[in-house]
PDB file of N, CA and C in Angstrom:
ATOM      1  N   MET A   1     -56.833  15.212 -48.578  1.00  0.00           N
ATOM      2  CA  MET A   1     -58.212  15.682 -48.637  1.00  0.00           C
ATOM      3  C   MET A   1     -59.053  15.006 -47.567  1.00  0.00           C
ATOM      4  N   THR A   2     -60.089  15.729 -47.151  1.00  0.00           N
ATOM      5  CA  THR A   2     -60.975  15.234 -46.156  1.00  0.00           C
ATOM      6  C   THR A   2     -61.785  13.969 -46.551  1.00  0.00           C
ATOM      7  N   ALA A   3     -62.527  13.370 -45.600  1.00  0.00           N
ATOM      8  CA  ALA A   3     -63.287  12.235 -45.871  1.00  0.00           C
ATOM      9  C   ALA A   3     -64.547  12.642 -46.627  1.00  0.00           C
ATOM     10  N   VAL A   4     -64.794  13.874 -46.845  1.00  0.00           N
ATOM     11  CA  VAL A   4     -66.044  14.282 -47.617  1.00  0.00           C
ATOM     12  C   VAL A   4     -65.940  13.835 -49.020  1.00  0.00           C
ATOM     13  N   LYS A   5     -66.999  13.137 -49.464  1.00  0.00           N
ATOM     14  CA  LYS A   5     -66.988  12.551 -50.831  1.00  0.00           C
ATOM     15  C   LYS A   5     -67.973  13.395 -51.677  1.00  0.00           C
ATOM     16  N   ASP A   6     -67.655  13.508 -52.934  1.00  0.00           N
ATOM     17  CA  ASP A   6     -68.493  14.102 -53.899  1.00  0.00           C
ATOM     18  C   ASP A   6     -69.400  12.974 -54.623  1.00  0.00           C
ATOM     19  N   ASN A   7     -70.544  12.784 -54.277  1.00  0.00           N
ATOM     20  CA  ASN A   7     -71.376  11.807 -54.872  1.00  0.00           C
ATOM     21  C   ASN A   7     -72.157  12.474 -56.036  1.00  0.00           C
ATOM     22  N   ARG A   8     -71.463  12.607 -57.211  1.00  0.00           N
ATOM     23  CA  ARG A   8     -72.052  13.297 -58.308  1.00  0.00           C
ATOM     24  C   ARG A   8     -73.390  12.622 -58.831  1.00  0.00           C
ATOM     25  N   GLU A   9     -73.451  11.286 -58.722  1.00  0.00           N
ATOM     26  CA  GLU A   9     -74.632  10.639 -59.122  1.00  0.00           C
ATOM     27  C   GLU A   9     -75.858  11.141 -58.397  1.00  0.00           C
ATOM     28  N   ARG A  10     -75.639  11.355 -57.098  1.00  0.00           N
ATOM     29  CA  ARG A  10     -76.737  11.817 -56.213  1.00  0.00           C
ATOM     30  C   ARG A  10     -76.820  13.334 -56.109  1.00  0.00           C
ATOM     31  N   GLY A  11     -75.817  14.004 -56.546  1.00  0.00           N
ATOM     32  CA  GLY A  11     -75.762  15.482 -56.426  1.00  0.00           C
ATOM     33  C   GLY A  11     -75.567  15.911 -55.020  1.00  0.00           C
ATOM     34  N   ARG A  12     -74.637  15.304 -54.395  1.00  0.00           N
ATOM     35  CA  ARG A  12     -74.526  15.688 -52.929  1.00  0.00           C
ATOM     36  C   ARG A  12     -73.056  15.373 -52.472  1.00  0.00           C
ATOM     37  N   PHE A  13     -72.659  16.210 -51.467  1.00  0.00           N
ATOM     38  CA  PHE A  13     -71.439  15.879 -50.782  1.00  0.00           C
ATOM     39  C   PHE A  13     -71.786  15.012 -49.517  1.00  0.00           C
ATOM     40  N   GLU A  14     -70.956  14.039 -49.255  1.00  0.00           N
ATOM     41  CA  GLU A  14     -71.302  13.090 -48.125  1.00  0.00           C
ATOM     42  C   GLU A  14     -70.179  12.945 -47.203  1.00  0.00           C
ATOM     43  N   LEU A  15     -70.540  12.809 -45.927  1.00  0.00           N
ATOM     44  CA  LEU A  15     -69.527  12.502 -44.919  1.00  0.00           C
ATOM     45  C   LEU A  15     -70.025  11.297 -44.022  1.00  0.00           C
ATOM     46  N   GLU A  16     -69.405  10.203 -44.016  1.00  0.00           N
ATOM     47  CA  GLU A  16     -69.813   9.088 -43.273  1.00  0.00           C
ATOM     48  C   GLU A  16     -69.157   9.141 -41.832  1.00  0.00           C
ATOM     49  N   GLU A  17     -69.974   9.016 -40.832  1.00  0.00           N
ATOM     50  CA  GLU A  17     -69.406   8.850 -39.442  1.00  0.00           C
ATOM     51  C   GLU A  17     -70.344   7.931 -38.695  1.00  0.00           C
ATOM     52  N   SER A  18     -69.797   7.005 -37.945  1.00  0.00           N
ATOM     53  CA  SER A  18     -70.464   5.937 -37.181  1.00  0.00           C
ATOM     54  C   SER A  18     -71.369   5.218 -38.087  1.00  0.00           C
ATOM     55  N   GLY A  19     -70.956   4.973 -39.322  1.00  0.00           N
ATOM     56  CA  GLY A  19     -71.744   4.112 -40.198  1.00  0.00           C
ATOM     57  C   GLY A  19     -73.033   4.813 -40.834  1.00  0.00           C
ATOM     58  N   LEU A  20     -73.095   6.150 -40.430  1.00  0.00           N
ATOM     59  CA  LEU A  20     -74.282   6.925 -41.008  1.00  0.00           C
ATOM     60  C   LEU A  20     -73.730   8.040 -41.907  1.00  0.00           C
ATOM     61  N   THR A  21     -74.610   8.531 -42.835  1.00  0.00           N
ATOM     62  CA  THR A  21     -74.169   9.585 -43.740  1.00  0.00           C
ATOM     63  C   THR A  21     -74.853  10.935 -43.574  1.00  0.00           C
ATOM     64  N   ALA A  22     -74.076  11.948 -43.345  1.00  0.00           N
ATOM     65  CA  ALA A  22     -74.509  13.302 -43.422  1.00  0.00           C
ATOM     66  C   ALA A  22     -74.262  13.800 -44.807  1.00  0.00           C
ATOM     67  N   PHE A  23     -75.200  14.611 -45.346  1.00  0.00           N
ATOM     68  CA  PHE A  23     -74.933  15.122 -46.683  1.00  0.00           C
ATOM     69  C   PHE A  23     -75.415  16.543 -46.969  1.00  0.00           C
ATOM     70  N   ALA A  24     -74.901  17.090 -48.001  1.00  0.00           N
ATOM     71  CA  ALA A  24     -75.346  18.458 -48.459  1.00  0.00           C
ATOM     72  C   ALA A  24     -75.689  18.287 -49.913  1.00  0.00           C
ATOM     73  N   ASN A  25     -76.970  18.401 -50.295  1.00  0.00           N
ATOM     74  CA  ASN A  25     -77.336  18.420 -51.661  1.00  0.00           C
ATOM     75  C   ASN A  25     -76.725  19.610 -52.391  1.00  0.00           C
ATOM     76  N   TYR A  26     -76.519  19.443 -53.644  1.00  0.00           N
ATOM     77  CA  TYR A  26     -75.931  20.640 -54.437  1.00  0.00           C
ATOM     78  C   TYR A  26     -76.408  20.613 -55.824  1.00  0.00           C
ATOM     79  N   ALA A  27     -76.351  21.772 -56.409  1.00  0.00           N
ATOM     80  CA  ALA A  27     -76.584  22.013 -57.876  1.00  0.00           C
ATOM     81  C   ALA A  27     -75.335  22.580 -58.414  1.00  0.00           C
ATOM     82  N   ARG A  28     -74.687  22.048 -59.398  1.00  0.00           N
ATOM     83  CA  ARG A  28     -73.426  22.542 -59.947  1.00  0.00           C
ATOM     84  C   ARG A  28     -73.564  23.089 -61.336  1.00  0.00           C
ATOM     85  N   ASN A  29     -73.077  24.202 -61.486  1.00  0.00           N
ATOM     86  CA  ASN A  29     -72.996  24.751 -62.860  1.00  0.00           C
ATOM     87  C   ASN A  29     -71.601  25.265 -63.082  1.00  0.00           C
ATOM     88  N   GLY A  30     -70.785  24.488 -63.699  1.00  0.00           N
ATOM     89  CA  GLY A  30     -69.375  24.791 -63.870  1.00  0.00           C
ATOM     90  C   GLY A  30     -68.644  24.795 -62.516  1.00  0.00           C
ATOM     91  N   LEU A  31     -68.116  26.011 -62.198  1.00  0.00           N
ATOM     92  CA  LEU A  31     -67.334  26.278 -61.004  1.00  0.00           C
ATOM     93  C   LEU A  31     -68.213  26.957 -59.961  1.00  0.00           C
ATOM     94  N   HIS A  32     -69.561  26.784 -60.192  1.00  0.00           N
ATOM     95  CA  HIS A  32     -70.418  27.362 -59.143  1.00  0.00           C
ATOM     96  C   HIS A  32     -71.296  26.285 -58.590  1.00  0.00           C
ATOM     97  N   VAL A  33     -71.364  26.232 -57.243  1.00  0.00           N
ATOM     98  CA  VAL A  33     -72.083  25.155 -56.505  1.00  0.00           C
ATOM     99  C   VAL A  33     -73.152  25.841 -55.592  1.00  0.00           C
ATOM    100  N   VAL A  34     -74.357  25.523 -55.753  1.00  0.00           N
ATOM    101  CA  VAL A  34     -75.419  26.006 -54.845  1.00  0.00           C
ATOM    102  C   VAL A  34     -75.788  24.859 -53.927  1.00  0.00           C
ATOM    103  N   ILE A  35     -75.754  25.181 -52.529  1.00  0.00           N
ATOM    104  CA  ILE A  35     -76.094  24.175 -51.653  1.00  0.00           C
ATOM    105  C   ILE A  35     -77.486  24.510 -50.947  1.00  0.00           C
ATOM    106  N   PRO A  36     -78.492  23.890 -51.449  1.00  0.00           N
ATOM    107  CA  PRO A  36     -79.907  24.142 -50.878  1.00  0.00           C
ATOM    108  C   PRO A  36     -80.280  23.375 -49.627  1.00  0.00           C
ATOM    109  N   HIS A  37     -79.549  22.348 -49.331  1.00  0.00           N
ATOM    110  CA  HIS A  37     -79.914  21.461 -48.154  1.00  0.00           C
ATOM    111  C   HIS A  37     -78.857  20.682 -47.575  1.00  0.00           C
ATOM    112  N   VAL A  38     -78.740  20.771 -46.241  1.00  0.00           N
ATOM    113  CA  VAL A  38     -77.696  19.919 -45.479  1.00  0.00           C
ATOM    114  C   VAL A  38     -78.553  19.156 -44.470  1.00  0.00           C
ATOM    115  N   GLU A  39     -78.121  17.950 -44.374  1.00  0.00           N
ATOM    116  CA  GLU A  39     -78.930  17.003 -43.451  1.00  0.00           C
ATOM    117  C   GLU A  39     -77.893  16.019 -42.757  1.00  0.00           C
ATOM    118  N   SER A  40     -78.200  15.849 -41.473  1.00  0.00           N
ATOM    119  CA  SER A  40     -77.408  14.952 -40.643  1.00  0.00           C
ATOM    120  C   SER A  40     -78.372  13.915 -40.080  1.00  0.00           C
ATOM    121  N   PRO A  41     -78.046  12.679 -39.997  1.00  0.00           N
ATOM    122  CA  PRO A  41     -79.036  11.741 -39.387  1.00  0.00           C
ATOM    123  C   PRO A  41     -79.230  12.106 -37.925  1.00  0.00           C
ATOM    124  N   PRO A  42     -80.458  12.062 -37.406  1.00  0.00           N
ATOM    125  CA  PRO A  42     -80.818  12.402 -36.114  1.00  0.00           C
ATOM    126  C   PRO A  42     -79.790  11.956 -34.984  1.00  0.00           C
ATOM    127  N   VAL A  43     -79.266  10.730 -35.135  1.00  0.00           N
ATOM    128  CA  VAL A  43     -78.397  10.211 -34.062  1.00  0.00           C
ATOM    129  C   VAL A  43     -77.034  10.986 -34.055  1.00  0.00           C
ATOM    130  N   LEU A  44     -76.671  11.652 -35.186  1.00  0.00           N
ATOM    131  CA  LEU A  44     -75.400  12.459 -35.357  1.00  0.00           C
ATOM    132  C   LEU A  44     -75.576  13.963 -35.014  1.00  0.00           C
ATOM    133  N   ARG A  45     -76.843  14.437 -34.932  1.00  0.00           N
ATOM    134  CA  ARG A  45     -77.095  15.775 -34.600  1.00  0.00           C
ATOM    135  C   ARG A  45     -76.544  16.160 -33.261  1.00  0.00           C
ATOM    136  N   GLY A  46     -75.955  17.354 -33.206  1.00  0.00           N
ATOM    137  CA  GLY A  46     -75.384  17.827 -32.023  1.00  0.00           C
ATOM    138  C   GLY A  46     -73.873  17.298 -31.740  1.00  0.00           C
ATOM    139  N   THR A  47     -73.382  16.503 -32.648  1.00  0.00           N
ATOM    140  CA  THR A  47     -71.997  15.995 -32.517  1.00  0.00           C
ATOM    141  C   THR A  47     -70.934  16.668 -33.314  1.00  0.00           C
ATOM    142  N   GLY A  48     -71.379  17.627 -34.120  1.00  0.00           N
ATOM    143  CA  GLY A  48     -70.474  18.354 -34.975  1.00  0.00           C
ATOM    144  C   GLY A  48     -70.291  17.840 -36.362  1.00  0.00           C
ATOM    145  N   THR A  49     -71.030  16.792 -36.688  1.00  0.00           N
ATOM    146  CA  THR A  49     -70.881  16.133 -38.057  1.00  0.00           C
ATOM    147  C   THR A  49     -71.181  17.075 -39.123  1.00  0.00           C
ATOM    148  N   ALA A  50     -72.256  17.821 -39.035  1.00  0.00           N
ATOM    149  CA  ALA A  50     -72.604  18.740 -40.132  1.00  0.00           C
ATOM    150  C   ALA A  50     -71.535  19.814 -40.264  1.00  0.00           C
ATOM    151  N   GLY A  51     -70.970  20.335 -39.225  1.00  0.00           N
ATOM    152  CA  GLY A  51     -69.880  21.181 -39.229  1.00  0.00           C
ATOM    153  C   GLY A  51     -68.616  20.620 -39.914  1.00  0.00           C
ATOM    154  N   ARG A  52     -68.393  19.402 -39.632  1.00  0.00           N
ATOM    155  CA  ARG A  52     -67.252  18.755 -40.281  1.00  0.00           C
ATOM    156  C   ARG A  52     -67.515  18.486 -41.791  1.00  0.00           C
ATOM    157  N   LEU A  53     -68.792  18.237 -42.116  1.00  0.00           N
ATOM    158  CA  LEU A  53     -69.209  18.170 -43.514  1.00  0.00           C
ATOM    159  C   LEU A  53     -68.886  19.418 -44.192  1.00  0.00           C
ATOM    160  N   MET A  54     -69.326  20.603 -43.647  1.00  0.00           N
ATOM    161  CA  MET A  54     -69.167  21.861 -44.202  1.00  0.00           C
ATOM    162  C   MET A  54     -67.648  22.182 -44.303  1.00  0.00           C
ATOM    163  N   GLU A  55     -66.866  21.878 -43.415  1.00  0.00           N
ATOM    164  CA  GLU A  55     -65.393  22.106 -43.485  1.00  0.00           C
ATOM    165  C   GLU A  55     -64.843  21.293 -44.613  1.00  0.00           C
ATOM    166  N   GLY A  56     -65.291  20.100 -44.837  1.00  0.00           N
ATOM    167  CA  GLY A  56     -64.807  19.299 -45.920  1.00  0.00           C
ATOM    168  C   GLY A  56     -65.201  19.863 -47.239  1.00  0.00           C
ATOM    169  N   ILE A  57     -66.397  20.461 -47.275  1.00  0.00           N
ATOM    170  CA  ILE A  57     -66.782  20.953 -48.536  1.00  0.00           C
ATOM    171  C   ILE A  57     -66.003  22.185 -48.972  1.00  0.00           C
ATOM    172  N   VAL A  58     -65.684  23.062 -47.927  1.00  0.00           N
ATOM    173  CA  VAL A  58     -64.801  24.187 -48.125  1.00  0.00           C
ATOM    174  C   VAL A  58     -63.479  23.713 -48.632  1.00  0.00           C
ATOM    175  N   GLU A  59     -62.954  22.638 -47.987  1.00  0.00           N
ATOM    176  CA  GLU A  59     -61.629  22.165 -48.372  1.00  0.00           C
ATOM    177  C   GLU A  59     -61.651  21.671 -49.854  1.00  0.00           C
ATOM    178  N   ARG A  60     -62.692  21.062 -50.263  1.00  0.00           N
ATOM    179  CA  ARG A  60     -62.907  20.641 -51.671  1.00  0.00           C
ATOM    180  C   ARG A  60     -62.953  21.791 -52.638  1.00  0.00           C
ATOM    181  N   ALA A  61     -63.708  22.794 -52.204  1.00  0.00           N
ATOM    182  CA  ALA A  61     -63.940  23.974 -53.000  1.00  0.00           C
ATOM    183  C   ALA A  61     -62.551  24.667 -53.193  1.00  0.00           C
ATOM    184  N   ARG A  62     -61.796  24.755 -52.202  1.00  0.00           N
ATOM    185  CA  ARG A  62     -60.383  25.433 -52.406  1.00  0.00           C
ATOM    186  C   ARG A  62     -59.596  24.478 -53.323  1.00  0.00           C
ATOM    187  N   ALA A  63     -59.586  23.195 -53.121  1.00  0.00           N
ATOM    188  CA  ALA A  63     -58.763  22.277 -53.954  1.00  0.00           C
ATOM    189  C   ALA A  63     -59.199  22.257 -55.404  1.00  0.00           C
ATOM    190  N   GLU A  64     -60.493  22.367 -55.604  1.00  0.00           N
ATOM    191  CA  GLU A  64     -61.076  22.216 -56.995  1.00  0.00           C
ATOM    192  C   GLU A  64     -61.391  23.519 -57.637  1.00  0.00           C
ATOM    193  N   GLY A  65     -61.342  24.591 -56.886  1.00  0.00           N
ATOM    194  CA  GLY A  65     -61.503  25.903 -57.492  1.00  0.00           C
ATOM    195  C   GLY A  65     -63.000  26.280 -57.781  1.00  0.00           C
ATOM    196  N   PHE A  66     -63.947  25.728 -57.006  1.00  0.00           N
ATOM    197  CA  PHE A  66     -65.339  26.124 -57.207  1.00  0.00           C
ATOM    198  C   PHE A  66     -65.742  27.055 -56.110  1.00  0.00           C
ATOM    199  N   LYS A  67     -66.822  27.842 -56.349  1.00  0.00           N
ATOM    200  CA  LYS A  67     -67.323  28.860 -55.445  1.00  0.00           C
ATOM    201  C   LYS A  67     -68.674  28.300 -55.072  1.00  0.00           C
ATOM    202  N   ILE A  68     -69.132  28.760 -53.825  1.00  0.00           N
ATOM    203  CA  ILE A  68     -70.295  28.138 -53.210  1.00  0.00           C
ATOM    204  C   ILE A  68     -71.404  29.334 -52.969  1.00  0.00           C
ATOM    205  N   THR A  69     -72.653  29.052 -53.182  1.00  0.00           N
ATOM    206  CA  THR A  69     -73.746  29.833 -52.820  1.00  0.00           C
ATOM    207  C   THR A  69     -74.630  28.998 -51.819  1.00  0.00           C
ATOM    208  N   PRO A  70     -74.594  29.335 -50.525  1.00  0.00           N
ATOM    209  CA  PRO A  70     -75.412  28.499 -49.577  1.00  0.00           C
ATOM    210  C   PRO A  70     -76.819  29.071 -49.601  1.00  0.00           C
ATOM    211  N   THR A  71     -77.824  28.340 -49.957  1.00  0.00           N
ATOM    212  CA  THR A  71     -79.222  28.722 -49.762  1.00  0.00           C
ATOM    213  C   THR A  71     -79.867  28.016 -48.644  1.00  0.00           C
ATOM    214  N   CYS A  72     -79.409  27.025 -48.186  1.00  0.00           N
ATOM    215  CA  CYS A  72     -79.807  26.263 -47.019  1.00  0.00           C
ATOM    216  C   CYS A  72     -79.532  27.070 -45.710  1.00  0.00           C
ATOM    217  N   SER A  73     -80.522  27.259 -44.766  1.00  0.00           N
ATOM    218  CA  SER A  73     -80.328  28.067 -43.615  1.00  0.00           C
ATOM    219  C   SER A  73     -79.113  27.576 -42.786  1.00  0.00           C
ATOM    220  N   TYR A  74     -78.951  26.249 -42.690  1.00  0.00           N
ATOM    221  CA  TYR A  74     -77.716  25.850 -41.914  1.00  0.00           C
ATOM    222  C   TYR A  74     -76.401  26.265 -42.588  1.00  0.00           C
ATOM    223  N   ALA A  75     -76.280  25.980 -43.844  1.00  0.00           N
ATOM    224  CA  ALA A  75     -75.141  26.303 -44.634  1.00  0.00           C
ATOM    225  C   ALA A  75     -74.858  27.803 -44.552  1.00  0.00           C
ATOM    226  N   PHE A  76     -75.890  28.567 -44.676  1.00  0.00           N
ATOM    227  CA  PHE A  76     -75.757  30.036 -44.699  1.00  0.00           C
ATOM    228  C   PHE A  76     -75.223  30.540 -43.347  1.00  0.00           C
ATOM    229  N   THR A  77     -75.831  30.014 -42.285  1.00  0.00           N
ATOM    230  CA  THR A  77     -75.422  30.367 -40.933  1.00  0.00           C
ATOM    231  C   THR A  77     -73.952  29.843 -40.616  1.00  0.00           C
ATOM    232  N   TRP A  78     -73.717  28.666 -41.097  1.00  0.00           N
ATOM    233  CA  TRP A  78     -72.293  28.109 -40.909  1.00  0.00           C
ATOM    234  C   TRP A  78     -71.264  29.037 -41.511  1.00  0.00           C
ATOM    235  N   PHE A  79     -71.519  29.554 -42.743  1.00  0.00           N
ATOM    236  CA  PHE A  79     -70.543  30.459 -43.420  1.00  0.00           C
ATOM    237  C   PHE A  79     -70.486  31.758 -42.663  1.00  0.00           C
ATOM    238  N   ARG A  80     -71.560  32.256 -42.154  1.00  0.00           N
ATOM    239  CA  ARG A  80     -71.554  33.480 -41.417  1.00  0.00           C
ATOM    240  C   ARG A  80     -70.676  33.349 -40.211  1.00  0.00           C
ATOM    241  N   ARG A  81     -70.691  32.181 -39.548  1.00  0.00           N
ATOM    242  CA  ARG A  81     -69.969  31.957 -38.305  1.00  0.00           C
ATOM    243  C   ARG A  81     -68.430  31.598 -38.588  1.00  0.00           C
ATOM    244  N   HIS A  82     -68.136  31.284 -39.793  1.00  0.00           N
ATOM    245  CA  HIS A  82     -66.769  30.837 -40.135  1.00  0.00           C
ATOM    246  C   HIS A  82     -66.212  31.841 -41.132  1.00  0.00           C
ATOM    247  N   LYS A  83     -65.710  32.920 -40.664  1.00  0.00           N
ATOM    248  CA  LYS A  83     -65.101  34.003 -41.565  1.00  0.00           C
ATOM    249  C   LYS A  83     -63.960  33.487 -42.300  1.00  0.00           C
ATOM    250  N   ASP A  84     -63.242  32.507 -41.803  1.00  0.00           N
ATOM    251  CA  ASP A  84     -62.134  31.934 -42.553  1.00  0.00           C
ATOM    252  C   ASP A  84     -62.508  31.182 -43.879  1.00  0.00           C
ATOM    253  N   ALA A  85     -63.810  30.924 -44.003  1.00  0.00           N
ATOM    254  CA  ALA A  85     -64.219  30.183 -45.134  1.00  0.00           C
ATOM    255  C   ALA A  85     -64.963  31.107 -46.216  1.00  0.00           C
ATOM    256  N   GLN A  86     -64.929  32.441 -46.016  1.00  0.00           N
ATOM    257  CA  GLN A  86     -65.576  33.329 -46.885  1.00  0.00           C
ATOM    258  C   GLN A  86     -64.954  33.333 -48.287  1.00  0.00           C
ATOM    259  N   ASP A  87     -63.684  32.914 -48.432  1.00  0.00           N
ATOM    260  CA  ASP A  87     -63.043  32.985 -49.702  1.00  0.00           C
ATOM    261  C   ASP A  87     -63.639  32.035 -50.767  1.00  0.00           C
ATOM    262  N   VAL A  88     -64.503  31.065 -50.337  1.00  0.00           N
ATOM    263  CA  VAL A  88     -65.107  30.114 -51.267  1.00  0.00           C
ATOM    264  C   VAL A  88     -66.513  30.576 -51.604  1.00  0.00           C
ATOM    265  N   LEU A  89     -67.038  31.622 -51.090  1.00  0.00           N
ATOM    266  CA  LEU A  89     -68.340  32.036 -51.379  1.00  0.00           C
ATOM    267  C   LEU A  89     -68.467  32.731 -52.776  1.00  0.00           C
ATOM    268  N   ALA A  90     -69.475  32.497 -53.483  1.00  0.00           N
ATOM    269  CA  ALA A  90     -69.651  33.130 -54.749  1.00  0.00           C
ATOM    270  C   ALA A  90     -70.194  34.567 -54.590  1.00  0.00           C
TER     271      ALA A  90
END
């Protein structure tokens, strides 16, 4: 499994790179996960960190069997650009 961690206490998926953490907040209801916000530290923006975070979330969704509804504009656009990840959308 990817380096993306599920920080259930904070309600977010996290990816650490260069000592900094990019994250996607979520609300979970059983096997349904809504992602309302994705954030990458300014220093990591433009490096692909947020995309790797999303890839890791998709990997977790497939492994754990949950479906995703992206309400964050970044996450929504990421899914639109990655047709191979459509299988995890709710």
